[in-house]
Amino acid sequence: MIRHVAALAFLVLTSVTVGERVDAAEKAGTVRVLSISDALDPASLDTFGRETGIGVLVDSFVASDAIERMMRAAAPPYDLVLIPASALGPLLKAGLLARLDAAAVPDAVPIEPRLVEALAALSGTGFAVPFDWYATVLALNAARLKAANVTLDAGTGWDVLTKPDVLRAVAACGFGVPDQPRTLYALTLAITVPPDRAPTVLDRRRALSVLAQLKLAAKSGTEAELADSAAQGDLCAAILPGPAAVLASERAKVAESGVDLMVLTPQTGSLLWMDVLAVPAASVNRDAGLALLRFLLRPETAAIMARAGHVAPATRNPPAPGIGNTADAAMLRSLVIPQPLDPALARVIETQWQHGAAH
């Protein structure tokens, strides 16, 4: 899941006129970065340049499937990447990431333990560092829901997935879900299966049944399309990534359309998504890449980047920025990071979604 919807490529090279600063910049060179679009604050990168004399060249991507291709095609290679944790698997399998030694991340950097734990469960340790995180949430139009006599609150919000009568009621006044069956399947398991046990065959069948019901009852679309519909007041509820839901809420307020969107992460849990920093194995300026990695992990820098992206920083100090309740540290413990699916199961899920019939 990519949290941004616009592609961007930009160059941040510190302007210097003092001779020794120019010499330092030439010696340090330029660090090349591949990043989620809009994730890196240009002003902060300017600060890094002034401190180090290192220029920063950033290429951005929108779709996860572009990451490996861009890394292989880069000449010279990238020195640092900021990517979704879900994209790590193929990169590690292809040997495209370098192992980070113990000194890569200073002990003083207060990374959230839950994120470190989730990343280890997803891809092992030593190749990436958590940078930010967010949850899958509900964007609710309170006025439309009230008019439809439907209640979705912090304790029962995911009833829309687990109770057919609630789903029918919400769908009748407009329910949007992403056209991402694997995400919806993982979300269903996350809220119905206790975290201390693996899903059973029955759990999986129930999750597939939910997919069939959603296909028939809900409106599916891209995250951008659903966010637009929610901001315009066309939906009672929508399942969205936290950043997209917050942006939709802000757009509705700016438009002064009378639409009041509430961003809700139900207490029963949700999906955890995170972005991570890693160093490509082919890096030619590894020291500069690591210097930028450490700069980005400074709590004050991470907080600036997180506010801009409507996500929560992976660092614990300062606290997560105010982005609704999608960045509550206590809530973080209830979130489940999606695991890679068996290819055969993935095909079943995709087929289920395409046909909308229970198996």
Protein backbone atom coordinates (compact mmCIF):
# COMPACT_ATOMS: atom_id res chain seq x y z
CA MET A 1 0.00 0.00 0.00
CA ILE A 2 1.46 3.37 -1.04
CA ARG A 3 0.21 6.28 0.96
CA HIS A 4 0.80 9.00 -1.65
CA VAL A 5 -0.90 9.46 -5.00
CA ALA A 6 1.33 11.89 -6.93
CA ALA A 7 4.72 11.11 -8.44
CA LEU A 8 7.58 13.50 -7.83
CA ALA A 9 11.27 13.78 -8.57
CA PHE A 10 13.33 16.59 -7.09
CA LEU A 11 16.89 17.65 -6.50
CA VAL A 12 18.11 19.19 -3.27
CA LEU A 13 21.67 20.44 -3.60
CA THR A 14 22.86 22.91 -0.99
CA SER A 15 23.96 26.19 -2.51
CA VAL A 16 27.38 27.20 -1.16
CA THR A 17 29.78 29.95 -2.14
CA VAL A 18 32.48 29.56 0.49
CA GLY A 19 35.45 27.73 -0.97
CA GLU A 20 35.91 25.21 1.82
CA ARG A 21 32.18 24.28 1.75
CA VAL A 22 32.40 23.64 -2.00
CA ASP A 23 35.45 21.45 -1.47
CA ALA A 24 33.65 19.54 1.28
CA ALA A 25 30.63 19.00 -0.95
CA GLU A 26 32.82 17.72 -3.76
CA LYS A 27 34.53 15.28 -1.40
CA ALA A 28 31.28 14.10 0.15
CA GLY A 29 29.51 13.92 -3.20
CA THR A 30 25.80 13.40 -3.61
CA VAL A 31 23.57 10.83 -1.97
CA ARG A 32 20.96 9.34 -4.29
CA VAL A 33 17.64 8.40 -2.72
CA LEU A 34 14.66 6.40 -3.97
CA SER A 35 11.59 7.37 -1.97
CA ILE A 36 7.84 7.27 -1.68
CA SER A 37 6.60 10.42 -3.37
CA ASP A 38 6.18 13.47 -1.12
CA ALA A 39 7.65 11.61 1.87
CA LEU A 40 10.80 13.71 2.28
CA ASP A 41 10.61 17.36 3.30
CA PRO A 42 12.85 19.47 0.99
CA ALA A 43 13.57 22.02 3.74
CA SER A 44 14.86 19.26 6.02
CA LEU A 45 17.05 17.92 3.24
CA ASP A 46 18.44 21.44 2.82
CA THR A 47 19.33 21.38 6.50
CA PHE A 48 21.13 18.07 6.01
CA GLY A 49 23.07 19.60 3.12
CA ARG A 50 24.11 22.62 5.13
CA GLU A 51 25.29 20.42 8.00
CA THR A 52 27.24 17.93 5.91
CA GLY A 53 27.97 19.47 2.53
CA ILE A 54 26.31 16.44 0.93
CA GLY A 55 23.82 16.99 -1.88
CA VAL A 56 20.65 14.90 -2.00
CA LEU A 57 19.10 13.68 -5.23
CA VAL A 58 15.64 12.13 -4.79
CA ASP A 59 13.72 9.96 -7.27
CA SER A 60 10.16 9.06 -6.33
CA PHE A 61 7.79 6.24 -7.18
CA VAL A 62 4.06 5.65 -6.72
CA ALA A 63 3.60 1.90 -7.20
CA SER A 64 5.52 -0.71 -5.20
CA ASP A 65 6.12 -2.82 -8.28
CA ALA A 66 8.32 -0.03 -9.67
CA ILE A 67 10.86 -0.19 -6.83
CA GLU A 68 12.92 -3.19 -7.98
CA ARG A 69 12.94 -2.00 -11.58
CA MET A 70 14.13 1.48 -10.59
CA MET A 71 16.81 0.10 -8.29
CA ARG A 72 18.19 -2.17 -11.00
CA ALA A 73 18.15 0.60 -13.62
CA ALA A 74 19.73 3.34 -11.48
CA ALA A 75 23.14 4.48 -12.69
CA PRO A 76 24.87 5.39 -10.47
CA PRO A 77 23.02 3.23 -7.93
CA TYR A 78 20.88 4.60 -5.11
CA ASP A 79 22.52 5.05 -1.71
CA LEU A 80 19.34 5.03 0.41
CA VAL A 81 15.75 3.92 -0.13
CA LEU A 82 12.55 4.85 1.73
CA ILE A 83 10.03 2.17 0.83
CA PRO A 84 6.99 0.33 2.22
CA ALA A 85 7.93 -2.56 4.49
CA SER A 86 5.68 -4.75 2.36
CA ALA A 87 8.12 -4.28 -0.56
CA LEU A 88 11.11 -5.70 1.33
CA GLY A 89 10.55 -9.36 0.50
CA PRO A 90 11.31 -9.25 -3.24
CA LEU A 91 14.26 -6.89 -2.71
CA LEU A 92 15.82 -9.16 -0.12
CA LYS A 93 15.23 -12.23 -2.28
CA ALA A 94 16.98 -10.47 -5.17
CA GLY A 95 19.91 -9.47 -2.97
CA LEU A 96 19.38 -5.76 -3.60
CA LEU A 97 19.73 -4.56 0.00
CA ALA A 98 22.83 -4.37 2.20
CA ARG A 99 22.92 -5.57 5.78
CA LEU A 100 23.12 -2.69 8.24
CA ASP A 101 25.77 -3.03 10.92
CA ALA A 102 25.08 -2.19 14.54
CA ALA A 103 26.52 1.31 14.16
CA ALA A 104 24.15 2.25 11.34
CA VAL A 105 21.45 3.35 13.79
CA PRO A 106 22.63 4.98 17.03
CA ASP A 107 21.39 3.36 20.23
CA ALA A 108 19.99 6.74 21.27
CA VAL A 109 17.37 6.69 18.48
CA PRO A 110 14.12 5.68 20.24
CA ILE A 111 12.41 3.46 17.66
CA GLU A 112 8.99 2.12 18.73
CA PRO A 113 9.59 -1.49 19.90
CA ARG A 114 6.31 -2.67 18.33
CA LEU A 115 7.55 -1.53 14.91
CA VAL A 116 10.89 -3.27 15.34
CA GLU A 117 9.06 -6.43 16.35
CA ALA A 118 6.64 -6.23 13.41
CA LEU A 119 9.46 -5.61 10.94
CA ALA A 120 11.42 -8.60 12.27
CA ALA A 121 8.37 -10.83 11.84
CA LEU A 122 7.90 -9.59 8.29
CA SER A 123 11.42 -9.69 6.88
CA GLY A 124 13.92 -10.57 9.57
CA THR A 125 16.39 -8.14 11.08
CA GLY A 126 19.41 -6.21 9.93
CA PHE A 127 18.34 -4.88 6.52
CA ALA A 128 15.92 -2.04 7.27
CA VAL A 129 14.90 0.46 9.93
CA PRO A 130 11.30 1.61 10.62
CA PHE A 131 10.72 5.24 9.61
CA ASP A 132 6.98 5.85 9.95
CA TRP A 133 3.69 3.99 10.31
CA TYR A 134 -0.08 4.25 9.88
CA ALA A 135 -3.19 2.10 10.13
CA THR A 136 -6.08 1.09 7.91
CA VAL A 137 -9.01 3.17 9.16
CA LEU A 138 -12.65 4.04 8.58
CA ALA A 139 -13.60 7.47 7.26
CA LEU A 140 -17.14 8.09 8.51
CA ASN A 141 -19.68 10.68 7.44
CA ALA A 142 -21.50 11.14 10.76
CA ALA A 143 -24.44 13.07 9.31
CA ARG A 144 -25.17 10.49 6.61
CA LEU A 145 -24.83 7.61 9.05
CA LYS A 146 -27.19 9.30 11.51
CA ALA A 147 -29.74 9.91 8.78
CA ALA A 148 -29.51 6.23 7.86
CA ASN A 149 -29.87 5.26 11.53
CA VAL A 150 -26.54 3.39 11.47
CA THR A 151 -24.05 3.48 14.35
CA LEU A 152 -20.36 2.77 13.86
CA ASP A 153 -18.23 3.73 16.86
CA ALA A 154 -14.76 3.01 18.19
CA GLY A 155 -15.83 -0.32 19.65
CA THR A 156 -18.00 -1.66 16.82
CA GLY A 157 -16.69 -0.02 13.66
CA TRP A 158 -15.53 -3.25 12.07
CA ASP A 159 -18.99 -4.74 12.52
CA VAL A 160 -19.40 -3.52 8.97
CA LEU A 161 -17.14 -6.43 7.97
CA THR A 162 -18.28 -9.08 10.42
CA LYS A 163 -22.06 -8.56 10.57
CA PRO A 164 -23.99 -8.85 7.28
CA ASP A 165 -26.92 -6.75 8.57
CA VAL A 166 -24.57 -3.86 9.44
CA LEU A 167 -22.86 -4.17 6.06
CA ARG A 168 -26.20 -3.98 4.26
CA ALA A 169 -27.24 -0.92 6.25
CA VAL A 170 -23.99 0.95 5.58
CA ALA A 171 -23.89 -0.13 1.93
CA ALA A 172 -27.41 1.24 1.45
CA CYS A 173 -26.14 4.77 2.16
CA GLY A 174 -22.74 4.33 0.53
CA PHE A 175 -19.80 2.16 1.62
CA GLY A 176 -16.46 2.38 -0.19
CA VAL A 177 -13.71 -0.23 -0.04
CA PRO A 178 -10.34 -0.28 -1.84
CA ASP A 179 -10.07 -2.48 -4.88
CA GLN A 180 -7.44 -4.47 -2.99
CA PRO A 181 -8.80 -7.91 -2.09
CA ARG A 182 -5.61 -9.04 -0.36
CA THR A 183 -5.74 -6.01 1.96
CA LEU A 184 -9.42 -6.61 2.73
CA TYR A 185 -8.73 -10.29 3.38
CA ALA A 186 -5.83 -9.44 5.72
CA LEU A 187 -7.97 -6.84 7.50
CA THR A 188 -10.75 -9.37 8.09
CA LEU A 189 -8.30 -11.84 9.62
CA ALA A 190 -6.70 -9.10 11.72
CA ILE A 191 -9.99 -8.20 13.39
CA THR A 192 -11.41 -11.71 13.76
CA VAL A 193 -8.42 -13.88 14.70
CA PRO A 194 -6.76 -13.43 18.11
CA PRO A 195 -3.13 -12.31 17.74
CA ASP A 196 -1.85 -15.29 19.73
CA ARG A 197 -2.91 -17.93 17.19
CA ALA A 198 -2.59 -18.59 13.48
CA PRO A 199 -5.68 -18.47 11.23
CA THR A 200 -7.48 -21.78 10.80
CA VAL A 201 -9.11 -23.09 7.64
CA LEU A 202 -12.45 -21.90 9.01
CA ASP A 203 -11.01 -18.41 9.63
CA ARG A 204 -9.83 -18.25 6.04
CA ARG A 205 -13.18 -19.40 4.68
CA ARG A 206 -14.96 -16.73 6.70
CA ALA A 207 -12.57 -14.08 5.39
CA LEU A 208 -13.25 -15.22 1.82
CA SER A 209 -16.98 -15.03 2.55
CA VAL A 210 -16.54 -11.42 3.70
CA LEU A 211 -14.82 -10.66 0.39
CA ALA A 212 -17.81 -12.03 -1.49
CA GLN A 213 -20.20 -9.90 0.55
CA LEU A 214 -18.11 -6.76 0.06
CA LYS A 215 -17.90 -7.33 -3.68
CA LEU A 216 -21.67 -7.51 -3.91
CA ALA A 217 -22.60 -4.75 -1.45
CA ALA A 218 -19.83 -2.12 -1.43
CA LYS A 219 -18.45 0.34 -3.94
CA SER A 220 -14.84 -0.51 -4.79
CA GLY A 221 -12.26 1.84 -6.25
CA THR A 222 -8.75 3.19 -5.90
CA GLU A 223 -7.77 4.86 -2.67
CA ALA A 224 -7.76 8.22 -4.44
CA GLU A 225 -11.25 7.67 -5.85
CA LEU A 226 -12.64 6.65 -2.45
CA ALA A 227 -10.99 9.61 -0.73
CA ASP A 228 -12.56 11.96 -3.30
CA SER A 229 -16.00 10.42 -2.83
CA ALA A 230 -15.70 10.60 0.95
CA ALA A 231 -14.58 14.25 0.87
CA GLN A 232 -17.49 15.16 -1.39
CA GLY A 233 -20.01 13.52 0.96
CA ASP A 234 -21.00 10.73 -1.41
CA LEU A 235 -20.27 7.92 1.05
CA CYS A 236 -21.40 7.04 4.56
CA ALA A 237 -18.16 5.18 5.23
CA ALA A 238 -14.95 4.17 3.47
CA ILE A 239 -12.03 1.91 4.33
CA LEU A 240 -8.83 3.88 3.67
CA PRO A 241 -5.19 4.15 4.72
CA GLY A 242 -4.96 6.60 7.62
CA PRO A 243 -3.13 9.33 5.63
CA ALA A 244 -5.69 9.22 2.79
CA ALA A 245 -8.58 9.42 5.26
CA VAL A 246 -7.06 12.41 7.07
CA LEU A 247 -6.42 14.20 3.78
CA ALA A 248 -10.03 13.56 2.73
CA SER A 249 -11.23 15.02 6.03
CA GLU A 250 -9.04 18.11 5.58
CA ARG A 251 -10.22 18.59 1.99
CA ALA A 252 -13.84 18.47 3.11
CA LYS A 253 -13.17 21.19 5.69
CA VAL A 254 -11.32 23.42 3.24
CA ALA A 255 -14.14 23.05 0.70
CA GLU A 256 -16.65 24.21 3.36
CA SER A 257 -19.11 21.73 1.89
CA GLY A 258 -20.66 20.84 5.21
CA VAL A 259 -19.15 17.34 5.05
CA ASP A 260 -17.69 16.31 8.41
CA LEU A 261 -15.54 13.19 8.13
CA MET A 262 -14.46 11.35 11.26
CA VAL A 263 -11.33 9.22 11.03
CA LEU A 264 -11.73 6.11 13.17
CA THR A 265 -9.54 3.14 14.01
CA PRO A 266 -11.89 0.72 15.81
CA GLN A 267 -10.70 -0.64 19.13
CA THR A 268 -10.83 -4.18 17.79
CA GLY A 269 -7.63 -3.48 15.86
CA SER A 270 -6.62 -3.00 12.26
CA LEU A 271 -3.75 -3.39 9.82
CA LEU A 272 -0.34 -1.86 10.49
CA TRP A 273 1.60 -0.36 7.59
CA MET A 274 5.06 1.11 7.86
CA ASP A 275 7.72 2.65 5.68
CA VAL A 276 11.36 1.74 6.22
CA LEU A 277 14.83 3.01 5.39
CA ALA A 278 17.37 0.67 3.79
CA VAL A 279 20.70 0.87 1.98
CA PRO A 280 21.02 -0.76 -1.47
CA ALA A 281 23.74 -3.36 -1.83
CA ALA A 282 25.04 -1.55 -4.92
CA SER A 283 25.44 1.83 -3.17
CA VAL A 284 28.56 3.73 -4.21
CA ASN A 285 28.27 6.37 -1.49
CA ARG A 286 27.31 4.20 1.47
CA ASP A 287 28.71 6.53 4.14
CA ALA A 288 26.65 9.43 2.81
CA GLY A 289 23.57 7.23 2.64
CA LEU A 290 24.04 6.19 6.26
CA ALA A 291 24.59 9.80 7.29
CA LEU A 292 21.26 10.74 5.72
CA LEU A 293 19.57 7.73 7.33
CA ARG A 294 20.74 8.85 10.77
CA PHE A 295 19.63 12.43 10.05
CA LEU A 296 16.16 11.29 9.00
CA LEU A 297 15.81 9.26 12.20
CA ARG A 298 16.46 12.23 14.44
CA PRO A 299 13.19 12.59 16.38
CA GLU A 300 12.76 16.23 15.39
CA THR A 301 13.37 15.47 11.70
CA ALA A 302 11.14 12.39 11.73
CA ALA A 303 8.33 14.42 13.31
CA ILE A 304 8.52 17.07 10.56
CA MET A 305 8.42 14.40 7.84
CA ALA A 306 5.53 12.60 9.56
CA ARG A 307 3.40 15.72 9.88
CA ALA A 308 3.83 16.42 6.18
CA GLY A 309 2.77 12.88 5.26
CA HIS A 310 -0.04 12.51 7.83
CA VAL A 311 1.68 9.48 9.29
CA ALA A 312 3.21 8.72 12.67
CA PRO A 313 7.00 8.73 13.12
CA ALA A 314 8.70 5.52 14.15
CA THR A 315 10.54 7.40 16.87
CA ARG A 316 8.89 7.70 20.28
CA ASN A 317 10.11 11.20 21.11
CA PRO A 318 8.53 13.62 20.34
CA PRO A 319 5.06 12.02 20.40
CA ALA A 320 3.25 11.12 17.21
CA PRO A 321 1.75 14.17 15.45
CA GLY A 322 -1.95 14.89 15.66
CA ILE A 323 -3.55 12.96 12.80
CA GLY A 324 -6.82 11.87 14.33
CA ASN A 325 -6.56 8.63 16.27
CA THR A 326 -4.53 6.89 13.58
CA ALA A 327 -1.26 7.39 15.48
CA ASP A 328 -2.09 6.51 19.04
CA ALA A 329 0.81 4.65 20.66
CA ALA A 330 -1.51 2.42 22.71
CA MET A 331 -3.53 1.58 19.61
CA LEU A 332 -0.30 0.59 17.85
CA ARG A 333 -0.13 -2.55 19.99
CA SER A 334 -3.44 -3.79 18.57
CA LEU A 335 -2.38 -3.50 14.93
CA VAL A 336 -1.32 -6.44 12.76
CA ILE A 337 1.19 -6.14 9.94
CA PRO A 338 0.04 -8.09 6.84
CA GLN A 339 2.19 -11.11 6.08
CA PRO A 340 3.07 -12.35 2.58
CA LEU A 341 0.46 -14.75 1.23
CA ASP A 342 0.99 -18.20 -0.16
CA PRO A 343 0.75 -17.81 -3.97
CA ALA A 344 -2.07 -20.36 -4.22
CA LEU A 345 -4.10 -18.54 -1.56
CA ALA A 346 -3.39 -15.20 -3.22
CA ARG A 347 -4.85 -16.56 -6.48
CA VAL A 348 -7.96 -17.77 -4.64
CA ILE A 349 -8.41 -14.34 -3.07
CA GLU A 350 -8.07 -12.54 -6.39
CA THR A 351 -10.51 -14.97 -8.04
CA GLN A 352 -12.94 -14.55 -5.15
CA TRP A 353 -12.86 -10.82 -5.57
CA GLN A 354 -13.30 -10.92 -9.31
CA HIS A 355 -16.31 -13.23 -9.16
CA GLY A 356 -17.80 -12.17 -5.81
CA ALA A 357 -19.03 -15.69 -5.04
CA ALA A 358 -18.39 -17.60 -1.84
CA HIS A 359 -16.22 -20.73 -1.95
